[in-house]
Amino acid sequence: MKNALIIAIVTAICAITIAIGGDKGMSLVEADTHAEDMWKEAQEANKAKLSAMWESRCMKYGEYSMPFDVKVYGETPKKGRSLYISMHGGGNVPAHVNNQQWNNQKLLYQPAEGVYIAPRAAVDDWNMWFRPHIDTLFAMLIQSAVAELDVNPNKVYLLGYSAGGDGVYRMAPRLADHWAAASMMAGHPGEASPVNLRNIGFMVWMGENDSAYNRNVLAVEYGKKMDSLYNEDPKGYIHQTNIVKGCGHWMNRVDTAAISWLKEFKREPYPTKVVWRQESSNLRDCFYYLQVPIEEAAPGKELIVEYDGNSFNIIKSDYKNFSILLNDKMVNLSQRVIVKHNDRIIFKGKVARDVKIIQESIEKRMDPEYIFCSKVNVII
């Protein structure tokens, strides 16, 4: 009886939280119209803000400047171009060495179609591709490419060689909601976990004799971790591990085959299951359609949610409260939404469309696929 009362109280709190959001009676057509108008306005403003940096081929954020090279291949498909962000090797070496590696990366991969961007790391250090500023700089780069070159935001790919491969190991899971797929070449995984990779394609390329820092052994182990994740959850974790016979750190361009593999993937912005583990090098408050209070975020904290139609199931939550963001592409907002935790219903009811949530999601994500109009505030 006591548990039932607690559940009823929590459900009522959730319902009250949603009901006071405003714009309770906004229709699907009204929400779509607001979203379209707000997106156009926001994109134009963001394009104007970033245009000078795009034209100068150097993104700037705070004290960091990231030059980048752009090459465009093939004709523009009807649904927009692909985008490949390709990170160079080097690391904690003199600047001229990293410059040389950057120049090599500019020509290392050549897709038949797409925008190929090779950024130059903003710092010269071993962790240059996964410091906290990289998240913002990569987001700016993607937003500019979408606005300037008609890139499809669901066809963005990440790859990198050597120190760039280190970056792929970290940035692919950290920003998994940005990518369709990623490919790691000759890098070191460090402490990175692959659990966030559930909804993107992921490749590993490693020379069998690339023994520096134990890279070759760790690549095989990483592949086995991906195998295990796939076996436990075969609807996700699509991956491929390639250990190149007879090669050391340089793989004689065999790894260029990654491009044809990557291009077959498209991002799913609203996957039916999200596995989100906070990474130690940078904390985030949003991931796909999930949002947590940033003050509660901490390295290693996990949140796992799945949904089928209008029914959501919280498999695991290390958070006391979080939000599930919604739109009419995901669910039918004309019908009730159900949220369960440990097989018990903690919310059941209709969720209002709210123009404020549309505005907030556009400003926060600047991604046309992550425009939400409703949310359920979950209390665990």
Protein backbone atom coordinates (compact mmCIF):
# COMPACT_ATOMS: atom_id res chain seq x y z
CA MET A 1 0.00 0.00 0.00
CA LYS A 2 2.81 2.38 0.92
CA ASN A 3 4.67 1.73 -2.37
CA ALA A 4 1.49 2.24 -4.38
CA LEU A 5 0.91 5.58 -2.64
CA ILE A 6 4.47 6.72 -3.38
CA ILE A 7 4.09 5.78 -7.06
CA ALA A 8 0.79 7.67 -7.26
CA ILE A 9 2.36 10.78 -5.70
CA VAL A 10 5.36 10.66 -8.06
CA THR A 11 3.04 10.20 -11.06
CA ALA A 12 1.01 13.22 -9.96
CA ILE A 13 4.16 15.33 -9.55
CA CYS A 14 5.29 14.39 -13.08
CA ALA A 15 1.86 15.25 -14.49
CA ILE A 16 1.81 18.61 -12.70
CA THR A 17 5.33 19.42 -13.88
CA ILE A 18 4.32 18.80 -17.50
CA ALA A 19 0.95 20.59 -17.28
CA ILE A 20 2.47 23.87 -16.10
CA GLY A 21 4.78 24.03 -19.12
CA GLY A 22 2.46 26.35 -21.07
CA ASP A 23 0.96 26.10 -24.59
CA LYS A 24 -1.02 23.10 -23.37
CA GLY A 25 -3.32 23.00 -26.35
CA MET A 26 -0.79 23.44 -29.18
CA SER A 27 -1.59 21.16 -32.10
CA LEU A 28 0.78 19.11 -34.24
CA VAL A 29 0.43 21.57 -37.11
CA GLU A 30 1.11 24.53 -34.83
CA ALA A 31 4.12 22.80 -33.30
CA ASP A 32 5.55 21.96 -36.73
CA THR A 33 5.00 25.54 -37.94
CA HIS A 34 6.67 27.00 -34.86
CA ALA A 35 9.58 24.55 -35.18
CA GLU A 36 10.10 25.31 -38.87
CA ASP A 37 10.02 29.08 -38.39
CA MET A 38 12.23 29.02 -35.30
CA TRP A 39 14.74 26.68 -36.95
CA LYS A 40 15.08 28.89 -40.04
CA GLU A 41 15.60 31.97 -37.89
CA ALA A 42 18.09 30.24 -35.60
CA GLN A 43 20.05 28.69 -38.46
CA GLU A 44 20.37 32.02 -40.26
CA ALA A 45 21.58 33.69 -37.07
CA ASN A 46 24.03 30.86 -36.35
CA LYS A 47 25.28 30.88 -39.93
CA ALA A 48 25.96 34.62 -39.69
CA LYS A 49 27.83 34.08 -36.42
CA LEU A 50 30.01 31.32 -37.86
CA SER A 51 30.38 32.51 -41.46
CA ALA A 52 33.57 34.52 -40.93
CA MET A 53 35.23 31.54 -39.25
CA TRP A 54 34.03 29.23 -42.03
CA GLU A 55 35.38 31.54 -44.73
CA SER A 56 38.72 31.90 -42.94
CA ARG A 57 38.82 28.10 -42.42
CA CYS A 58 39.44 28.45 -38.69
CA MET A 59 36.93 27.74 -35.92
CA LYS A 60 37.48 29.66 -32.69
CA TYR A 61 36.13 28.95 -29.24
CA GLY A 62 37.49 30.82 -26.24
CA GLU A 63 41.27 30.61 -26.32
CA TYR A 64 41.25 27.78 -28.88
CA SER A 65 41.62 28.10 -32.63
CA MET A 66 41.14 25.09 -34.92
CA PRO A 67 42.14 25.60 -38.58
CA PHE A 68 40.57 23.16 -41.02
CA ASP A 69 40.85 22.12 -44.66
CA VAL A 70 37.76 21.43 -46.78
CA LYS A 71 37.48 19.29 -49.90
CA VAL A 72 34.22 18.49 -51.67
CA TYR A 73 33.78 15.31 -53.72
CA GLY A 74 31.03 14.28 -56.13
CA GLU A 75 27.60 15.71 -56.79
CA THR A 76 25.17 16.73 -54.06
CA PRO A 77 22.60 13.96 -53.37
CA LYS A 78 18.92 14.93 -53.07
CA LYS A 79 18.99 14.35 -49.31
CA GLY A 80 22.20 16.29 -48.73
CA ARG A 81 25.91 15.62 -48.68
CA SER A 82 27.89 13.35 -46.39
CA LEU A 83 30.45 14.88 -44.02
CA TYR A 84 33.71 13.22 -42.98
CA ILE A 85 35.71 14.77 -40.11
CA SER A 86 39.21 13.33 -40.25
CA MET A 87 41.70 13.84 -37.37
CA HIS A 88 45.45 13.82 -37.94
CA GLY A 89 48.20 12.12 -35.97
CA GLY A 90 51.08 13.62 -33.99
CA GLY A 91 50.41 14.66 -30.41
CA ASN A 92 52.85 15.99 -27.84
CA VAL A 93 55.43 17.01 -30.46
CA PRO A 94 56.64 20.31 -31.96
CA ALA A 95 54.01 22.22 -33.92
CA HIS A 96 55.71 21.63 -37.26
CA VAL A 97 55.37 17.86 -36.78
CA ASN A 98 51.64 18.16 -36.17
CA ASN A 99 51.42 20.48 -39.19
CA GLN A 100 53.06 17.80 -41.30
CA GLN A 101 50.64 15.18 -40.01
CA TRP A 102 47.73 17.52 -40.75
CA ASN A 103 48.93 17.97 -44.34
CA ASN A 104 49.09 14.18 -44.72
CA GLN A 105 45.57 13.80 -43.34
CA LYS A 106 44.15 16.24 -45.87
CA LEU A 107 44.76 13.71 -48.66
CA LEU A 108 44.65 10.43 -46.78
CA TYR A 109 41.00 9.59 -47.52
CA GLN A 110 38.97 10.58 -50.57
CA PRO A 111 35.27 9.67 -50.57
CA ALA A 112 33.44 9.37 -53.87
CA GLU A 113 30.83 11.76 -52.47
CA GLY A 114 30.89 14.10 -49.54
CA VAL A 115 32.55 16.95 -47.72
CA TYR A 116 35.94 15.93 -46.32
CA ILE A 117 37.16 18.16 -43.49
CA ALA A 118 40.60 17.71 -41.95
CA PRO A 119 40.90 19.95 -38.87
CA ARG A 120 44.22 20.94 -37.35
CA ALA A 121 44.26 20.31 -33.59
CA ALA A 122 44.01 23.48 -31.51
CA VAL A 123 46.80 22.31 -29.17
CA ASP A 124 49.96 20.24 -29.52
CA ASP A 125 49.54 17.58 -26.88
CA TRP A 126 48.91 13.84 -26.53
CA ASN A 127 45.20 14.39 -25.77
CA MET A 128 44.68 17.10 -28.39
CA TRP A 129 41.61 15.40 -29.93
CA PHE A 130 39.56 14.79 -26.82
CA ARG A 131 39.98 17.81 -24.58
CA PRO A 132 36.67 19.47 -23.54
CA HIS A 133 36.88 22.23 -26.17
CA ILE A 134 36.70 19.68 -28.99
CA ASP A 135 32.98 19.06 -28.38
CA THR A 136 32.10 22.67 -29.11
CA LEU A 137 34.52 23.08 -32.02
CA PHE A 138 33.21 19.93 -33.73
CA ALA A 139 29.61 21.05 -33.19
CA MET A 140 30.45 24.40 -34.80
CA LEU A 141 32.13 22.62 -37.70
CA ILE A 142 29.10 20.38 -38.31
CA GLN A 143 26.65 23.28 -38.03
CA SER A 144 28.64 25.31 -40.56
CA ALA A 145 28.90 22.42 -43.01
CA VAL A 146 25.13 21.84 -42.77
CA ALA A 147 24.42 25.52 -43.44
CA GLU A 148 27.14 26.21 -46.02
CA LEU A 149 27.38 22.99 -48.05
CA ASP A 150 24.00 21.29 -47.67
CA VAL A 151 25.35 18.51 -45.46
CA ASN A 152 22.79 16.02 -44.19
CA PRO A 153 23.21 16.03 -40.37
CA ASN A 154 22.34 12.31 -40.34
CA LYS A 155 25.34 11.51 -42.57
CA VAL A 156 28.26 12.74 -40.45
CA TYR A 157 31.24 10.42 -39.96
CA LEU A 158 34.33 10.57 -37.73
CA LEU A 159 37.74 9.06 -38.45
CA GLY A 160 41.32 9.57 -37.37
CA TYR A 161 44.82 8.10 -37.58
CA SER A 162 47.32 7.53 -34.73
CA ALA A 163 46.68 10.38 -32.24
CA GLY A 164 43.59 11.00 -34.36
CA GLY A 165 42.66 7.38 -33.69
CA ASP A 166 43.02 8.12 -29.96
CA GLY A 167 40.47 10.85 -30.58
CA VAL A 168 38.06 8.49 -32.34
CA TYR A 169 38.16 6.05 -29.42
CA ARG A 170 37.08 8.90 -27.10
CA MET A 171 34.96 11.21 -29.26
CA ALA A 172 32.90 8.52 -31.02
CA PRO A 173 31.21 7.44 -27.75
CA ARG A 174 31.26 10.90 -26.17
CA LEU A 175 29.40 12.49 -29.08
CA ALA A 176 27.71 9.35 -30.42
CA ASP A 177 24.47 11.27 -30.98
CA HIS A 178 26.32 13.38 -33.60
CA TRP A 179 27.63 10.52 -35.76
CA ALA A 180 26.28 7.98 -38.20
CA ALA A 181 29.48 5.90 -37.89
CA ALA A 182 33.15 6.20 -36.96
CA SER A 183 36.44 4.52 -37.82
CA MET A 184 39.54 4.32 -35.61
CA MET A 185 42.93 3.90 -37.26
CA ALA A 186 46.11 3.02 -35.29
CA GLY A 187 45.11 4.68 -32.05
CA HIS A 188 45.10 3.94 -28.30
CA PRO A 189 41.79 3.55 -26.41
CA GLY A 190 42.98 4.68 -23.00
CA GLU A 191 40.11 4.46 -20.52
CA ALA A 192 37.35 4.93 -23.11
CA SER A 193 34.28 2.71 -22.84
CA PRO A 194 32.42 1.53 -25.97
CA VAL A 195 28.96 1.28 -24.38
CA ASN A 196 27.70 4.55 -25.90
CA LEU A 197 28.38 3.20 -29.41
CA ARG A 198 25.15 1.18 -29.49
CA ASN A 199 23.50 3.19 -32.25
CA ILE A 200 26.39 3.98 -34.60
CA GLY A 201 28.66 1.88 -36.82
CA PHE A 202 32.19 1.51 -35.47
CA MET A 203 35.38 0.20 -37.10
CA VAL A 204 38.82 -0.59 -35.73
CA TRP A 205 41.88 -0.65 -38.01
CA MET A 206 45.22 -1.74 -36.58
CA GLY A 207 48.48 -3.12 -37.92
CA GLU A 208 49.22 -6.46 -36.25
CA ASN A 209 52.79 -5.33 -35.49
CA ASP A 210 51.83 -1.86 -34.16
CA SER A 211 53.09 -2.68 -30.68
CA ALA A 212 53.95 0.82 -29.41
CA TYR A 213 51.95 1.57 -26.24
CA ASN A 214 50.46 -1.94 -26.67
CA ARG A 215 48.11 -0.56 -29.34
CA ASN A 216 47.77 -3.82 -31.29
CA VAL A 217 46.84 -5.90 -28.23
CA LEU A 218 44.37 -3.28 -27.00
CA ALA A 219 42.72 -3.08 -30.44
CA VAL A 220 42.00 -6.81 -30.34
CA GLU A 221 40.64 -6.49 -26.79
CA TYR A 222 38.45 -3.58 -27.83
CA GLY A 223 37.07 -5.63 -30.71
CA LYS A 224 36.21 -8.42 -28.26
CA LYS A 225 34.39 -5.92 -26.03
CA MET A 226 32.34 -4.85 -29.04
CA ASP A 227 31.66 -8.51 -29.87
CA SER A 228 30.37 -9.05 -26.34
CA LEU A 229 28.14 -5.96 -26.45
CA TYR A 230 26.71 -7.07 -29.79
CA ASN A 231 26.05 -10.60 -28.55
CA GLU A 232 24.13 -9.22 -25.58
CA ASP A 233 22.28 -6.61 -27.66
CA PRO A 234 22.29 -7.69 -31.35
CA LYS A 235 20.04 -4.82 -32.46
CA GLY A 236 22.94 -2.46 -31.77
CA TYR A 237 26.73 -2.28 -31.69
CA ILE A 238 27.31 -2.89 -35.40
CA HIS A 239 31.08 -3.02 -35.72
CA GLN A 240 34.06 -4.44 -37.56
CA THR A 241 37.59 -5.09 -36.28
CA ASN A 242 40.41 -5.19 -38.83
CA ILE A 243 43.88 -6.33 -37.76
CA VAL A 244 46.08 -5.85 -40.83
CA LYS A 245 48.62 -8.65 -41.30
CA GLY A 246 52.27 -7.73 -41.72
CA CYS A 247 51.77 -4.02 -40.98
CA GLY A 248 53.02 -1.82 -38.22
CA HIS A 249 51.81 1.71 -37.51
CA TRP A 250 51.40 2.46 -41.23
CA MET A 251 48.85 0.20 -42.90
CA ASN A 252 49.73 0.97 -46.54
CA ARG A 253 46.34 2.64 -47.05
CA VAL A 254 44.42 -0.62 -46.62
CA ASP A 255 42.33 1.32 -44.08
CA THR A 256 40.92 3.56 -46.84
CA ALA A 257 38.32 0.79 -47.26
CA ALA A 258 36.68 2.32 -44.19
CA ILE A 259 35.09 5.04 -46.31
CA SER A 260 32.90 2.64 -48.29
CA TRP A 261 31.82 0.94 -45.04
CA LEU A 262 31.02 4.16 -43.20
CA LYS A 263 28.89 5.65 -45.95
CA GLU A 264 26.29 2.89 -45.61
CA PHE A 265 25.27 4.21 -42.19
CA LYS A 266 22.86 6.98 -41.33
CA ARG A 267 22.34 8.46 -37.89
CA GLU A 268 19.16 7.48 -36.07
CA PRO A 269 18.34 10.54 -33.92
CA TYR A 270 15.65 8.71 -31.94
CA PRO A 271 16.95 5.16 -31.40
CA THR A 272 14.58 2.85 -29.58
CA LYS A 273 17.27 2.21 -26.98
CA VAL A 274 19.87 4.63 -25.64
CA VAL A 275 22.83 3.63 -23.50
CA TRP A 276 24.53 6.72 -22.05
CA ARG A 277 27.63 6.61 -19.89
CA GLN A 278 29.22 9.89 -18.88
CA GLU A 279 32.82 10.11 -20.04
CA SER A 280 35.50 11.31 -17.63
CA SER A 281 37.05 13.88 -19.99
CA ASN A 282 33.88 15.91 -20.55
CA LEU A 283 30.44 15.80 -18.99
CA ARG A 284 27.26 16.39 -21.00
CA ASP A 285 23.70 17.20 -19.96
CA CYS A 286 22.02 15.84 -23.11
CA PHE A 287 22.40 12.77 -25.30
CA TYR A 288 19.93 11.82 -28.05
CA TYR A 289 16.52 12.51 -26.44
CA LEU A 290 17.69 12.30 -22.83
CA GLN A 291 18.58 15.25 -20.63
CA VAL A 292 20.01 15.30 -17.10
CA PRO A 293 20.82 18.09 -14.62
CA ILE A 294 24.45 18.94 -15.31
CA GLU A 295 25.08 19.28 -11.57
CA GLU A 296 24.20 15.58 -11.20
CA ALA A 297 26.47 14.43 -14.04
CA ALA A 298 29.62 12.60 -13.01
CA PRO A 299 32.13 10.30 -14.75
CA GLY A 300 30.80 6.77 -15.14
CA LYS A 301 27.16 7.59 -14.37
CA GLU A 302 24.80 5.66 -16.63
CA LEU A 303 21.30 6.08 -17.97
CA ILE A 304 19.66 3.40 -20.14
CA VAL A 305 16.22 3.96 -21.62
CA GLU A 306 14.28 2.14 -24.33
CA TYR A 307 10.91 2.76 -25.92
CA ASP A 308 8.33 1.08 -28.11
CA GLY A 309 5.65 3.36 -29.52
CA ASN A 310 4.47 5.60 -26.69
CA SER A 311 5.81 3.36 -23.93
CA PHE A 312 9.21 4.07 -22.32
CA ASN A 313 11.11 1.77 -20.00
CA ILE A 314 13.92 2.96 -17.74
CA ILE A 315 16.35 0.06 -17.60
CA LYS A 316 18.95 1.83 -15.48
CA SER A 317 19.30 5.28 -13.99
CA ASP A 318 22.11 6.60 -11.82
CA TYR A 319 20.20 9.90 -11.68
CA LYS A 320 17.48 10.89 -9.23
CA ASN A 321 15.74 12.86 -11.95
CA PHE A 322 16.06 13.43 -15.67
CA SER A 323 13.95 14.35 -18.70
CA ILE A 324 12.79 12.41 -21.74
CA LEU A 325 12.44 14.85 -24.64
CA LEU A 326 9.72 14.11 -27.17
CA ASN A 327 8.43 15.11 -30.58
CA ASP A 328 5.88 13.76 -33.04
CA LYS A 329 8.55 11.93 -35.06
CA MET A 330 9.20 9.72 -32.02
CA VAL A 331 5.78 9.19 -30.50
CA ASN A 332 2.12 10.00 -31.03
CA LEU A 333 1.61 12.98 -28.75
CA SER A 334 -2.13 12.81 -29.31
CA GLN A 335 -2.07 9.63 -27.21
CA ARG A 336 -0.92 8.97 -23.66
CA VAL A 337 2.76 8.46 -22.92
CA ILE A 338 3.74 5.75 -20.44
CA VAL A 339 7.01 5.65 -18.50
CA LYS A 340 7.99 2.57 -16.49
CA HIS A 341 10.81 1.91 -14.05
CA ASN A 342 11.44 -1.61 -12.80
CA ASP A 343 8.21 -2.65 -14.54
CA ARG A 344 6.18 -0.14 -12.51
CA ILE A 345 4.38 2.76 -14.16
CA ILE A 346 5.72 6.08 -12.84
CA PHE A 347 4.00 8.27 -15.45
CA LYS A 348 0.96 7.82 -17.63
CA GLY A 349 -0.78 10.64 -19.42
CA LYS A 350 -0.85 13.03 -22.33
CA VAL A 351 2.09 15.37 -22.72
CA ALA A 352 1.57 18.93 -23.90
CA ARG A 353 3.43 20.43 -26.83
CA ASP A 354 5.22 23.56 -25.65
CA VAL A 355 6.73 26.31 -27.80
CA LYS A 356 9.25 27.02 -25.04
CA ILE A 357 10.65 23.50 -25.31
CA ILE A 358 10.95 23.91 -29.10
CA GLN A 359 12.93 27.11 -28.60
CA GLU A 360 15.13 25.62 -25.89
CA SER A 361 16.00 22.51 -27.90
CA ILE A 362 16.92 24.55 -30.99
CA GLU A 363 19.12 26.91 -29.00
CA LYS A 364 20.79 24.05 -27.12
CA ARG A 365 21.44 21.61 -29.95
CA MET A 366 21.34 23.62 -33.23
CA ASP A 367 20.47 20.38 -34.99
CA PRO A 368 17.27 20.06 -37.07
CA GLU A 369 16.82 16.46 -35.93
CA TYR A 370 16.94 17.36 -32.24
CA ILE A 371 14.00 19.76 -32.17
CA PHE A 372 11.66 18.62 -29.40
CA CYS A 373 8.28 20.03 -28.40
CA SER A 374 7.47 18.09 -25.22
CA LYS A 375 9.13 16.37 -22.31
CA VAL A 376 8.44 14.09 -19.39
CA ASN A 377 10.29 15.00 -16.20
CA VAL A 378 11.12 11.70 -14.55
CA ILE A 379 11.70 11.36 -10.81
CA ILE A 380 13.36 8.15 -9.61
